[in-house]
């Protein structure tokens, strides 16, 4: 009677002598130090993949697919494929693996003669790990495996968590890590693919352990404006308004989580399964959003909207073609005139960048209070108070909202209030502030057009919980908001001020508005670049006469379409 292999029992002896028995079903198992192998031997001296174990009804085999003499069977080097008999010991690096038991049972039918498929996830205890995902070969996989080994060894030897908890200085911590990495790299140098730069490898490991890993180079690149991490092995960037996939990757999802925690912890934020998303910022003010399991089904996701090391000035926006010099002159005069403004646009249209530029027009003699979810604005005036909202703690208490901060700011004797973004009930408090002596304040709103801004503000006021009639809300908006500056992102990735619109007040039950400046798109060239020109509509703002009375000089030719005609 034929026998059918049911279970194979192996015993792994780790360095130090501890033994770990486990059972495997019939199948083919890859063995090496890389975590994607079926059996993982985590040690820098073990190649990323060294052997293949095969367990079938006809017998058990061990095959050497890695370094020569990397596998010993009862003390003899294995070359190619060899039968593995009961009681024989396989040695790979500092590990010994004994074939301890083979359990077989009689086959009861012809159907039972069909070889059993290997279980995709056999039960294996530490230090082994099972996976059904095939691992592709190649130097890139080997490099990733080497990085994982060095990183794990670094954490074990250096005890990074303890050094961080003891508040070891950043530079001292990095120096210690660099020295330790160099030592580990020397130990595994012979495992490296030819041509691999050991110094570059050491830098990558140091960045992964102490900084932001593969994102460090992207953050240092001035051409990169946005970084999008979609799981550990998909990193996209935005350059010149276009998305590109990079060849960078994290070691695993745990590495991404470590980076996220490294970003949010210094600013008092947290992220875990009970609070699986967070808004944060980097030290330079770059905006960060992270979302993790169970909300993200592809692993931890991280989005970083980079800010320039040197804040953009209005001259930069004019050079980029975001707006015309004449439009900037009008905006400057309007800020000095204490006109309250709302910057509107879609996601990524440049609202915050433009708000930062508008804020630079605020007089240095005034007391300015900025209020944001995550502090991004960088004002250079001497009298600026920066306030940042606070999320709830682990018990769900202690949250301080934008609305709380707007109400508190009114007691701080502000000349101007700048709210990073209105997205809820704080819109009512902002409108009341603009209507009660704090005109000239600035904020941003997500909207598709200047007219949509009015609808959005109405909706947000209703979100405050106040049961106000629509007409009363519109009267508040009509008297509080003077200008809407609408930004758009075009098909070629460029951002432009599409419209500057004046809110003229109420007429009946409706708010009247007039466009002052617009961007007229005329087409797209052969390279996909948007063609068009900025121009005034011919409408003159209703407060031009008041400007002259206050001593603010502005040339009326700014509003004459004929004066803008190309010559």
Protein backbone atom coordinates (compact mmCIF):
# COMPACT_ATOMS: atom_id res chain seq x y z
CA UNK A 1 0.00 0.00 0.00
CA UNK A 2 1.29 3.47 -0.93
CA UNK A 3 1.90 6.01 1.82
CA UNK A 4 0.82 9.68 1.76
CA UNK A 5 3.00 12.29 3.44
CA UNK A 6 0.96 14.12 6.04
CA UNK A 7 3.29 16.26 8.18
CA UNK A 8 7.01 16.98 8.48
CA UNK A 9 8.48 18.04 11.82
CA UNK A 10 11.59 20.23 11.84
CA UNK A 11 13.61 21.57 14.76
CA UNK A 12 15.56 24.82 14.30
CA UNK A 13 18.39 25.49 16.70
CA UNK A 14 19.19 29.21 16.88
CA UNK A 15 22.53 30.81 17.75
CA UNK A 16 22.86 30.40 21.52
CA UNK A 17 21.24 26.97 21.55
CA UNK A 18 17.51 27.68 21.85
CA UNK A 19 15.39 25.20 19.88
CA UNK A 20 12.14 25.83 18.02
CA UNK A 21 10.18 22.78 16.73
CA UNK A 22 7.42 23.26 14.14
CA UNK A 23 5.31 21.26 11.70
CA UNK A 24 5.01 21.75 7.94
CA UNK A 25 2.61 20.30 5.42
CA UNK A 26 3.89 18.84 2.12
CA UNK A 27 5.16 21.51 -0.24
CA UNK A 28 8.11 23.61 -1.36
CA UNK A 29 9.61 26.16 1.06
CA UNK A 30 12.25 28.82 0.39
CA UNK A 31 14.81 29.48 3.14
CA UNK A 32 16.89 32.62 3.79
CA UNK A 33 17.20 35.82 5.77
CA UNK A 34 14.67 37.82 3.74
CA UNK A 35 11.27 38.06 5.41
CA UNK A 36 9.49 37.07 2.20
CA UNK A 37 10.96 33.55 2.34
CA UNK A 38 8.84 30.66 3.61
CA UNK A 39 11.33 30.00 6.42
CA UNK A 40 13.13 33.10 7.67
CA UNK A 41 16.56 32.78 9.34
CA UNK A 42 17.08 36.33 10.58
CA UNK A 43 20.83 36.87 10.75
CA UNK A 44 23.20 39.10 8.71
CA UNK A 45 25.42 36.09 7.90
CA UNK A 46 22.59 34.29 6.08
CA UNK A 47 22.02 35.29 2.42
CA UNK A 48 18.65 36.64 1.37
CA UNK A 49 17.83 33.20 -0.03
CA UNK A 50 20.08 30.19 0.55
CA UNK A 51 18.06 26.98 0.18
CA UNK A 52 14.83 25.30 -0.89
CA UNK A 53 13.25 22.52 1.19
CA UNK A 54 10.92 20.12 -0.65
CA UNK A 55 8.64 17.68 1.21
CA UNK A 56 6.73 15.14 -0.94
CA UNK A 57 5.37 11.61 -0.71
CA UNK A 58 8.50 10.32 -2.46
CA UNK A 59 10.83 11.90 0.10
CA UNK A 60 12.41 15.08 1.46
CA UNK A 61 15.09 17.14 -0.30
CA UNK A 62 17.31 20.12 0.45
CA UNK A 63 18.64 22.23 -2.42
CA UNK A 64 21.38 24.87 -2.26
CA UNK A 65 20.39 27.88 -4.38
CA UNK A 66 22.65 30.46 -2.73
CA UNK A 67 26.30 30.71 -1.93
CA UNK A 68 28.63 27.82 -2.49
CA UNK A 69 29.10 25.80 0.71
CA UNK A 70 26.32 27.88 2.29
CA UNK A 71 24.38 24.68 3.12
CA UNK A 72 25.87 21.73 4.99
CA UNK A 73 24.07 18.38 5.28
CA UNK A 74 25.51 16.39 8.20
CA UNK A 75 28.73 18.40 7.79
CA UNK A 76 29.07 17.93 4.02
CA UNK A 77 28.57 20.86 1.57
CA UNK A 78 25.41 20.59 -0.49
CA UNK A 79 25.75 21.29 -4.21
CA UNK A 80 22.47 21.14 -6.08
CA UNK A 81 19.70 18.89 -4.70
CA UNK A 82 20.19 16.16 -2.08
CA UNK A 83 17.90 13.68 -0.33
CA UNK A 84 17.26 14.70 3.31
CA UNK A 85 16.77 11.70 5.58
CA UNK A 86 15.24 11.46 9.04
CA UNK A 87 17.62 12.63 11.77
CA UNK A 88 20.01 14.41 9.38
CA UNK A 89 21.00 17.98 10.22
CA UNK A 90 21.16 20.91 7.77
CA UNK A 91 23.36 23.85 8.76
CA UNK A 92 22.81 27.32 7.26
CA UNK A 93 24.93 30.07 8.79
CA UNK A 94 24.64 29.83 12.60
CA UNK A 95 21.36 27.85 12.39
CA UNK A 96 20.96 24.06 12.43
CA UNK A 97 17.75 22.46 11.15
CA UNK A 98 16.99 18.83 12.00
CA UNK A 99 14.50 16.65 10.13
CA UNK A 100 13.02 15.24 13.32
CA UNK A 101 9.93 13.35 12.16
CA UNK A 102 8.04 12.39 8.99
CA UNK A 103 4.40 11.44 9.56
CA UNK A 104 2.74 9.45 6.78
CA UNK A 105 -0.55 7.58 6.50
CA UNK A 106 -1.85 4.93 4.04
CA UNK A 107 -3.59 6.23 0.92
CA UNK A 108 -7.23 5.06 0.99
CA UNK A 109 -8.26 5.85 -2.56
CA UNK A 110 -7.01 6.86 -5.97
CA UNK A 111 -8.12 10.39 -5.23
CA UNK A 112 -5.80 10.39 -2.24
CA UNK A 113 -2.88 9.69 -4.59
CA UNK A 114 -3.02 13.27 -5.84
CA UNK A 115 -0.16 15.14 -4.14
CA UNK A 116 -1.46 17.56 -1.55
CA UNK A 117 -0.99 21.25 -2.30
CA UNK A 118 1.22 23.12 0.13
CA UNK A 119 -0.70 25.14 2.65
CA UNK A 120 -0.27 28.83 1.77
CA UNK A 121 0.22 29.78 5.41
CA UNK A 122 1.59 26.84 7.47
CA UNK A 123 1.73 27.33 11.22
CA UNK A 124 5.32 28.18 12.11
CA UNK A 125 6.65 29.49 15.39
CA UNK A 126 9.48 31.98 15.77
CA UNK A 127 11.99 32.40 14.26
CA UNK A 128 10.34 31.17 11.07
CA UNK A 129 7.70 32.82 9.01
CA UNK A 130 5.54 31.44 6.20
CA UNK A 131 4.28 33.12 3.08
CA UNK A 132 2.56 32.08 -0.13
CA UNK A 133 3.86 35.08 -2.06
CA UNK A 134 6.62 34.16 -4.55
CA UNK A 135 9.78 36.20 -4.24
CA UNK A 136 11.33 37.50 -7.45
CA UNK A 137 15.07 37.14 -7.81
CA UNK A 138 17.57 39.86 -8.68
CA UNK A 139 19.92 42.33 -7.11
CA UNK A 140 17.11 44.69 -6.04
CA UNK A 141 15.55 41.97 -3.90
CA UNK A 142 18.95 41.12 -2.43
CA UNK A 143 19.61 44.77 -1.58
CA UNK A 144 16.25 45.04 0.18
CA UNK A 145 16.98 41.83 2.09
CA UNK A 146 20.43 43.13 3.14
CA UNK A 147 18.88 46.40 4.29
CA UNK A 148 16.33 44.54 6.39
CA UNK A 149 19.04 42.44 8.00
CA UNK A 150 21.25 45.43 8.82
CA UNK A 151 18.31 47.44 10.13
CA UNK A 152 17.17 44.62 12.42
CA UNK A 153 20.73 44.05 13.64
CA UNK A 154 21.21 47.80 14.23
CA UNK A 155 18.09 48.03 16.39
CA UNK A 156 19.21 45.00 18.39
CA UNK A 157 22.78 46.21 18.96
CA UNK A 158 22.15 49.92 19.43
CA UNK A 159 18.86 49.75 21.36
CA UNK A 160 17.48 52.82 19.57
CA UNK A 161 14.30 52.95 21.63
CA UNK A 162 16.26 53.14 24.89
CA UNK A 163 18.59 55.84 23.55
CA UNK A 164 15.63 57.86 22.28
CA UNK A 165 13.82 57.51 25.62
CA UNK A 166 16.96 58.73 27.40
CA UNK A 167 16.89 61.84 25.19
CA UNK A 168 20.27 61.22 23.61
CA UNK A 169 21.17 64.18 21.38
CA UNK A 170 20.20 63.67 17.72
CA UNK A 171 23.74 64.11 16.43
CA UNK A 172 25.18 61.75 19.04
CA UNK A 173 22.51 59.17 18.23
CA UNK A 174 23.18 59.46 14.51
CA UNK A 175 26.97 59.20 15.01
CA UNK A 176 26.56 56.04 17.12
CA UNK A 177 24.22 54.55 14.51
CA UNK A 178 26.61 55.38 11.66
CA UNK A 179 29.51 53.66 13.44
CA UNK A 180 27.43 50.59 14.18
CA UNK A 181 26.10 50.45 10.61
CA UNK A 182 29.66 50.56 9.21
CA UNK A 183 30.58 47.59 11.41
CA UNK A 184 27.55 45.56 10.29
CA UNK A 185 28.13 46.46 6.62
CA UNK A 186 31.68 45.06 6.88
CA UNK A 187 30.26 41.82 8.23
CA UNK A 188 27.87 41.35 5.30
CA UNK A 189 30.04 42.92 2.56
CA UNK A 190 30.56 39.57 0.81
CA UNK A 191 26.75 39.13 0.55
CA UNK A 192 26.34 42.38 -1.40
CA UNK A 193 25.65 42.43 -5.16
CA UNK A 194 28.55 43.67 -7.26
CA UNK A 195 28.70 47.43 -7.69
CA UNK A 196 26.62 48.23 -4.60
CA UNK A 197 27.89 51.39 -2.89
CA UNK A 198 28.52 50.50 0.76
CA UNK A 199 28.49 54.16 1.83
CA UNK A 200 25.16 54.72 0.10
CA UNK A 201 23.78 51.60 1.76
CA UNK A 202 24.93 52.87 5.17
CA UNK A 203 23.25 56.25 4.56
CA UNK A 204 19.99 54.58 3.53
CA UNK A 205 19.97 52.46 6.68
CA UNK A 206 20.74 55.50 8.89
CA UNK A 207 17.91 57.46 7.25
CA UNK A 208 15.55 54.52 7.79
CA UNK A 209 16.51 54.17 11.45
CA UNK A 210 16.77 57.81 12.49
CA UNK A 211 15.25 60.08 9.84
CA UNK A 212 12.54 59.65 7.19
CA UNK A 213 14.12 56.79 5.28
CA UNK A 214 13.77 56.89 1.47
CA UNK A 215 11.87 60.18 1.76
CA UNK A 216 14.99 62.08 2.84
CA UNK A 217 16.34 62.46 -0.71
CA UNK A 218 12.91 63.42 -2.02
CA UNK A 219 12.47 66.08 0.66
CA UNK A 220 15.88 67.52 -0.23
CA UNK A 221 15.02 67.73 -3.95
CA UNK A 222 13.69 71.24 -4.71
CA UNK A 223 11.92 69.94 -7.83
CA UNK A 224 9.64 67.66 -5.77
CA UNK A 225 6.52 69.46 -4.53
CA UNK A 226 4.53 66.53 -3.16
CA UNK A 227 5.35 63.02 -1.91
CA UNK A 228 2.75 60.25 -1.80
CA UNK A 229 3.48 56.94 -0.06
CA UNK A 230 0.92 54.25 -0.96
CA UNK A 231 2.08 51.36 1.21
CA UNK A 232 5.71 50.39 1.70
CA UNK A 233 6.66 49.78 -1.94
CA UNK A 234 4.77 52.44 -3.91
CA UNK A 235 6.13 55.98 -3.60
CA UNK A 236 4.96 58.68 -6.02
CA UNK A 237 6.11 62.28 -6.33
CA UNK A 238 4.81 65.41 -8.00
CA UNK A 239 7.29 67.41 -10.08
CA UNK A 240 6.19 70.47 -12.04
CA UNK A 241 2.56 69.50 -11.55
CA UNK A 242 2.96 65.95 -12.91
CA UNK A 243 2.90 62.66 -10.99
CA UNK A 244 5.78 60.19 -11.30
CA UNK A 245 6.43 56.83 -9.65
CA UNK A 246 9.83 56.50 -8.00
CA UNK A 247 11.98 53.40 -7.54
CA UNK A 248 12.27 54.07 -3.81
CA UNK A 249 10.62 51.86 -1.21
CA UNK A 250 10.47 51.20 2.50
CA UNK A 251 11.66 47.92 3.98
CA UNK A 252 8.13 47.00 5.10
CA UNK A 253 4.91 48.47 6.50
CA UNK A 254 6.45 48.63 9.97
CA UNK A 255 9.11 50.99 8.59
CA UNK A 256 6.41 53.30 7.20
CA UNK A 257 4.63 53.26 10.58
CA UNK A 258 7.91 54.13 12.33
CA UNK A 259 8.38 57.12 10.02
CA UNK A 260 4.80 58.31 10.59
CA UNK A 261 5.21 58.08 14.36
CA UNK A 262 8.53 59.91 14.08
CA UNK A 263 6.70 62.79 12.34
CA UNK A 264 3.63 63.08 14.57
CA UNK A 265 5.15 62.46 18.02
CA UNK A 266 7.15 65.73 18.33
CA UNK A 267 4.03 67.85 17.75
CA UNK A 268 1.86 65.97 20.24
CA UNK A 269 -0.20 64.03 17.71
CA UNK A 270 -0.87 60.29 17.74
CA UNK A 271 -1.90 57.61 15.28
CA UNK A 272 -3.10 54.10 16.10
CA UNK A 273 -6.08 51.84 15.41
CA UNK A 274 -8.35 54.00 17.57
CA UNK A 275 -7.21 57.17 15.73
CA UNK A 276 -6.11 55.80 12.34
CA UNK A 277 -5.55 59.12 10.53
CA UNK A 278 -3.79 62.33 11.44
CA UNK A 279 -2.82 65.75 10.08
CA UNK A 280 0.65 66.91 11.04
CA UNK A 281 3.60 68.94 9.77
CA UNK A 282 7.33 68.69 9.36
CA UNK A 283 9.77 71.07 11.00
CA UNK A 284 9.84 73.25 7.86
CA UNK A 285 6.03 73.56 7.85
CA UNK A 286 5.40 70.99 5.11
CA UNK A 287 1.90 69.55 5.46
CA UNK A 288 1.57 65.84 6.33
CA UNK A 289 -1.42 63.52 6.28
CA UNK A 290 -1.24 59.87 7.30
CA UNK A 291 -3.86 57.13 7.30
CA UNK A 292 -3.34 53.52 8.38
CA UNK A 293 -5.10 50.19 8.89
CA UNK A 294 -8.00 49.52 9.30
CA UNK A 295 -9.04 52.48 7.15
CA UNK A 296 -6.31 51.96 4.55
CA UNK A 297 -6.46 48.54 2.92
CA UNK A 298 -3.08 48.81 1.14
CA UNK A 299 -0.93 49.56 4.16
CA UNK A 300 0.09 52.88 5.76
CA UNK A 301 -0.36 55.87 3.42
CA UNK A 302 1.52 59.12 3.84
CA UNK A 303 1.07 62.37 1.90
CA UNK A 304 3.54 65.23 2.28
CA UNK A 305 2.93 68.57 0.61
CA UNK A 306 6.33 70.21 0.63
CA UNK A 307 6.91 73.84 1.34
CA UNK A 308 9.81 75.70 -0.15
CA UNK A 309 12.71 76.25 2.26
CA UNK A 310 12.43 79.92 1.40
CA UNK A 311 8.77 81.04 1.39
CA UNK A 312 7.52 82.14 -2.02
CA UNK A 313 7.26 85.87 -2.54
CA UNK A 314 4.86 87.63 -4.86
CA UNK A 315 7.69 88.08 -7.37
CA UNK A 316 8.03 84.28 -7.52
CA UNK A 317 4.33 83.82 -8.25
CA UNK A 318 4.51 86.44 -11.01
CA UNK A 319 7.52 84.63 -12.49
CA UNK A 320 5.68 81.28 -12.32
CA UNK A 321 2.71 82.82 -14.15
CA UNK A 322 0.37 82.35 -11.17
CA UNK A 323 -0.87 85.93 -11.49
CA UNK A 324 -0.01 89.19 -13.26
CA UNK A 325 1.98 92.01 -11.64
CA UNK A 326 -1.02 94.32 -11.98
CA UNK A 327 -3.20 91.85 -10.07
CA UNK A 328 -0.58 91.68 -7.31
CA UNK A 329 -0.60 95.49 -7.12
CA UNK A 330 -4.37 95.49 -6.67
CA UNK A 331 -4.23 92.78 -3.98
CA UNK A 332 -1.54 94.70 -2.10
CA UNK A 333 -3.66 97.86 -2.13
CA UNK A 334 -6.73 95.87 -1.00
CA UNK A 335 -4.83 94.38 1.98
CA UNK A 336 -3.68 97.85 3.04
CA UNK A 337 -7.30 98.97 2.60
CA UNK A 338 -8.29 96.28 5.14
CA UNK A 339 -10.50 94.39 2.71
CA UNK A 340 -11.35 90.94 4.10
CA UNK A 341 -10.44 88.20 1.62
CA UNK A 342 -11.22 84.55 1.05
CA UNK A 343 -8.82 82.47 -1.06
CA UNK A 344 -10.76 79.65 -2.70
CA UNK A 345 -9.92 76.69 -4.91
CA UNK A 346 -9.70 72.93 -5.09
CA UNK A 347 -7.21 70.60 -3.42
CA UNK A 348 -3.65 71.32 -4.52
CA UNK A 349 -4.57 74.54 -6.33
CA UNK A 350 -2.15 76.65 -4.28
CA UNK A 351 -4.50 78.24 -1.74
CA UNK A 352 -2.15 78.07 1.24
CA UNK A 353 0.83 79.27 -0.79
CA UNK A 354 -1.18 82.25 -2.02
CA UNK A 355 -2.49 82.95 1.50
CA UNK A 356 1.10 83.03 2.74
CA UNK A 357 1.99 85.56 0.03
CA UNK A 358 -1.07 87.70 0.83
CA UNK A 359 -0.08 87.66 4.49
CA UNK A 360 3.27 89.16 3.57
CA UNK A 361 1.39 92.35 2.60
CA UNK A 362 0.10 92.80 6.15
CA UNK A 363 1.74 95.85 7.81
CA UNK A 364 4.56 95.14 10.25
CA UNK A 365 2.93 97.54 12.75
CA UNK A 366 -0.14 95.34 13.26
CA UNK A 367 -0.78 92.46 15.68
CA UNK A 368 -1.51 89.35 13.60
CA UNK A 369 -2.92 86.05 14.91
CA UNK A 370 -2.74 82.94 12.70
CA UNK A 371 -4.99 79.94 13.44
CA UNK A 372 -4.44 76.57 11.76
CA UNK A 373 -5.07 72.85 12.14
CA UNK A 374 -1.38 72.17 11.50
CA UNK A 375 0.81 75.28 11.49
CA UNK A 376 1.97 75.94 7.92
CA UNK A 377 1.93 79.70 7.45
CA UNK A 378 5.27 81.47 7.80
CA UNK A 379 4.79 85.18 8.35
CA UNK A 380 7.86 87.38 8.67
CA UNK A 381 6.24 90.30 10.51
CA UNK A 382 7.59 90.95 14.02
CA UNK A 383 4.23 90.78 15.84
CA UNK A 384 2.72 87.40 14.95
CA UNK A 385 1.01 84.94 17.32
CA UNK A 386 0.68 81.41 15.90
CA UNK A 387 -2.10 79.19 17.25
CA UNK A 388 -2.58 75.52 16.37
CA UNK A 389 -5.59 73.31 17.01
CA UNK A 390 -5.20 70.23 19.20
CA UNK A 391 -6.77 66.80 18.53
CA UNK A 392 -8.37 64.75 21.33
CA UNK A 393 -6.17 62.64 23.57
CA UNK A 394 -6.28 58.84 23.80
CA UNK A 395 -9.41 59.10 25.98
CA UNK A 396 -11.17 61.23 23.35
CA UNK A 397 -10.96 64.38 25.46
CA UNK A 398 -9.07 67.65 25.43
CA UNK A 399 -9.65 68.63 21.78
CA UNK A 400 -9.22 72.33 20.93
CA UNK A 401 -10.87 73.17 17.61
CA UNK A 402 -10.30 75.97 15.11
CA UNK A 403 -13.58 77.47 16.30
CA UNK A 404 -12.37 77.53 19.92
CA UNK A 405 -9.20 79.31 18.81
CA UNK A 406 -11.08 81.88 16.69
CA UNK A 407 -13.27 82.78 19.66
CA UNK A 408 -10.24 82.99 21.93
CA UNK A 409 -8.33 85.11 19.40
CA UNK A 410 -11.00 87.81 19.66
CA UNK A 411 -9.91 88.32 23.29
CA UNK A 412 -6.27 88.74 22.30
CA UNK A 413 -6.61 92.21 20.77
CA UNK A 414 -5.81 91.21 17.17
CA UNK A 415 -5.56 93.69 14.31
CA UNK A 416 -5.85 90.86 11.79
CA UNK A 417 -6.89 87.22 12.05
CA UNK A 418 -5.59 84.72 9.50
CA UNK A 419 -7.35 81.34 9.54
CA UNK A 420 -5.54 78.64 7.56
CA UNK A 421 -8.78 77.07 6.37
CA UNK A 422 -12.46 77.36 7.23
CA UNK A 423 -14.14 73.99 6.97
CA UNK A 424 -16.83 74.02 9.67
CA UNK A 425 -18.67 76.06 12.27
CA UNK A 426 -15.68 78.40 12.72
CA UNK A 427 -16.93 80.19 9.58
CA UNK A 428 -19.64 81.89 11.68
CA UNK A 429 -17.10 83.15 14.23
CA UNK A 430 -14.81 84.30 11.43
CA UNK A 431 -17.61 86.26 9.75
CA UNK A 432 -18.60 87.87 13.04
CA UNK A 433 -14.96 88.84 13.67
CA UNK A 434 -14.79 90.48 10.22
CA UNK A 435 -17.98 92.35 10.99
CA UNK A 436 -16.90 93.59 14.42
CA UNK A 437 -13.71 95.54 13.90
CA UNK A 438 -11.41 92.84 12.57
CA UNK A 439 -11.86 93.59 8.89
CA UNK A 440 -8.89 92.86 6.71
CA UNK A 441 -8.75 89.26 7.91
CA UNK A 442 -7.85 86.36 5.61
CA UNK A 443 -8.84 82.72 5.23
CA UNK A 444 -9.14 79.91 2.66
CA UNK A 445 -12.14 77.80 1.60
CA UNK A 446 -12.49 74.76 -0.65
CA UNK A 447 -14.76 75.75 -3.53
CA UNK A 448 -15.06 75.39 -7.31
CA UNK A 449 -15.75 79.05 -8.08
CA UNK A 450 -16.21 82.42 -6.34
CA UNK A 451 -19.98 81.94 -6.42
CA UNK A 452 -19.57 78.52 -4.77
CA UNK A 453 -17.68 80.22 -1.93
CA UNK A 454 -20.92 81.89 -0.85
CA UNK A 455 -22.78 78.58 -0.80
CA UNK A 456 -19.96 76.91 1.10
CA UNK A 457 -19.89 79.67 3.71
CA UNK A 458 -23.66 79.41 4.15
CA UNK A 459 -23.36 75.65 4.71
CA UNK A 460 -20.49 76.03 7.18
CA UNK A 461 -22.38 78.66 9.18
CA UNK A 462 -25.28 76.22 9.49
CA UNK A 463 -22.75 73.60 10.72
CA UNK A 464 -22.13 75.84 13.76
CA UNK A 465 -25.47 74.70 15.18
CA UNK A 466 -27.01 78.18 15.11
CA UNK A 467 -30.52 78.15 13.65
CA UNK A 468 -30.15 81.29 11.53
CA UNK A 469 -32.34 82.21 8.55
CA UNK A 470 -30.55 82.06 5.20
CA UNK A 471 -31.06 85.78 4.59
CA UNK A 472 -29.34 86.64 7.88
CA UNK A 473 -26.40 84.43 6.95
CA UNK A 474 -26.11 86.04 3.52
CA UNK A 475 -26.19 89.50 5.05
CA UNK A 476 -23.32 88.48 7.32
CA UNK A 477 -21.34 87.17 4.34
CA UNK A 478 -22.17 90.16 2.14
CA UNK A 479 -20.92 92.67 4.69
CA UNK A 480 -17.93 90.64 5.99
CA UNK A 481 -16.26 89.33 2.81
CA UNK A 482 -14.98 91.87 0.30
CA UNK A 483 -12.89 89.87 -2.15
CA UNK A 484 -12.70 86.25 -3.30
CA UNK A 485 -9.42 85.21 -4.92
CA UNK A 486 -10.03 81.93 -6.75
CA UNK A 487 -7.13 79.65 -7.69
CA UNK A 488 -7.21 76.74 -10.14
CA UNK A 489 -4.88 73.94 -11.11
CA UNK A 490 -4.77 73.47 -14.88
CA UNK A 491 -4.18 70.39 -17.02
CA UNK A 492 -0.44 71.04 -17.35
CA UNK A 493 -0.05 71.13 -13.56
CA UNK A 494 0.31 74.92 -13.29
CA UNK A 495 -1.59 76.91 -10.66
CA UNK A 496 -3.09 80.26 -11.53
CA UNK A 497 -5.32 82.89 -10.00
CA UNK A 498 -8.34 82.21 -12.21
CA UNK A 499 -10.48 85.07 -10.83
CA UNK A 500 -10.40 87.98 -8.45
CA UNK A 501 -14.03 88.72 -7.59
CA UNK A 502 -15.54 91.51 -5.50
CA UNK A 503 -18.48 90.78 -3.20
CA UNK A 504 -20.65 93.86 -3.66
CA UNK A 505 -23.32 93.21 -1.01
CA UNK A 506 -26.96 92.21 -0.94
CA UNK A 507 -29.51 92.84 -3.66
CA UNK A 508 -32.85 91.46 -2.58
CA UNK A 509 -32.19 87.98 -1.19
CA UNK A 510 -29.04 87.40 -3.24
CA UNK A 511 -25.40 88.39 -2.84
CA UNK A 512 -24.11 90.31 -5.85
CA UNK A 513 -20.56 89.75 -7.14
CA UNK A 514 -18.46 91.13 -9.96
CA UNK A 515 -15.26 89.75 -11.48
CA UNK A 516 -12.39 92.24 -11.47
CA UNK A 517 -9.64 90.11 -13.06
CA UNK A 518 -9.81 86.75 -14.85
CA UNK A 519 -7.51 84.30 -16.58
CA UNK A 520 -8.74 83.54 -20.10
CA UNK A 521 -7.44 80.20 -21.40
CA UNK A 522 -7.03 80.24 -25.17
CA UNK A 523 -5.75 76.73 -25.78
CA UNK A 524 -2.96 74.21 -25.21
CA UNK A 525 0.33 74.10 -27.14
CA UNK A 526 1.98 71.01 -28.66
CA UNK A 527 3.74 70.28 -25.35
CA UNK A 528 0.46 70.31 -23.40
CA UNK A 529 1.19 73.67 -21.78
CA UNK A 530 -1.86 75.83 -21.13
CA UNK A 531 -2.02 79.03 -23.17
CA UNK A 532 -3.90 82.16 -22.11
CA UNK A 533 -3.61 85.58 -20.55
CA UNK A 534 -4.71 87.53 -17.49
CA UNK A 535 -7.00 90.47 -18.10
CA UNK A 536 -9.33 92.87 -16.28
CA UNK A 537 -13.04 92.58 -17.00
CA UNK A 538 -13.55 96.36 -17.09
CA UNK A 539 -15.43 96.38 -13.78
CA UNK A 540 -14.02 98.86 -11.27
CA UNK A 541 -14.10 97.87 -7.57
CA UNK A 542 -16.66 99.82 -5.57
CA UNK A 543 -14.05 100.83 -2.96
CA UNK A 544 -11.60 102.56 -5.36
CA UNK A 545 -12.78 106.04 -4.31
CA UNK A 546 -12.37 105.10 -0.65
CA UNK A 547 -8.79 104.04 -1.41
CA UNK A 548 -7.93 107.50 -2.65
CA UNK A 549 -9.55 109.06 0.43
CA UNK A 550 -7.30 106.92 2.65
CA UNK A 551 -4.19 107.89 0.74
CA UNK A 552 -3.73 104.53 -1.01
CA UNK A 553 -2.77 105.26 -4.58
CA UNK A 554 -3.80 102.89 -7.35
CA UNK A 555 -3.75 103.44 -11.10
CA UNK A 556 -7.23 103.09 -12.60
CA UNK A 557 -5.65 101.79 -15.81
CA UNK A 558 -5.31 98.48 -13.95
CA UNK A 559 -9.03 97.95 -14.62
CA UNK A 560 -8.99 99.01 -18.29
CA UNK A 561 -8.93 96.00 -20.69
CA UNK A 562 -7.54 98.21 -23.46
CA UNK A 563 -4.46 98.99 -21.38
CA UNK A 564 -3.71 95.24 -21.12
CA UNK A 565 -3.90 94.58 -24.86
CA UNK A 566 -0.54 93.28 -26.22
CA UNK A 567 1.31 95.80 -28.37
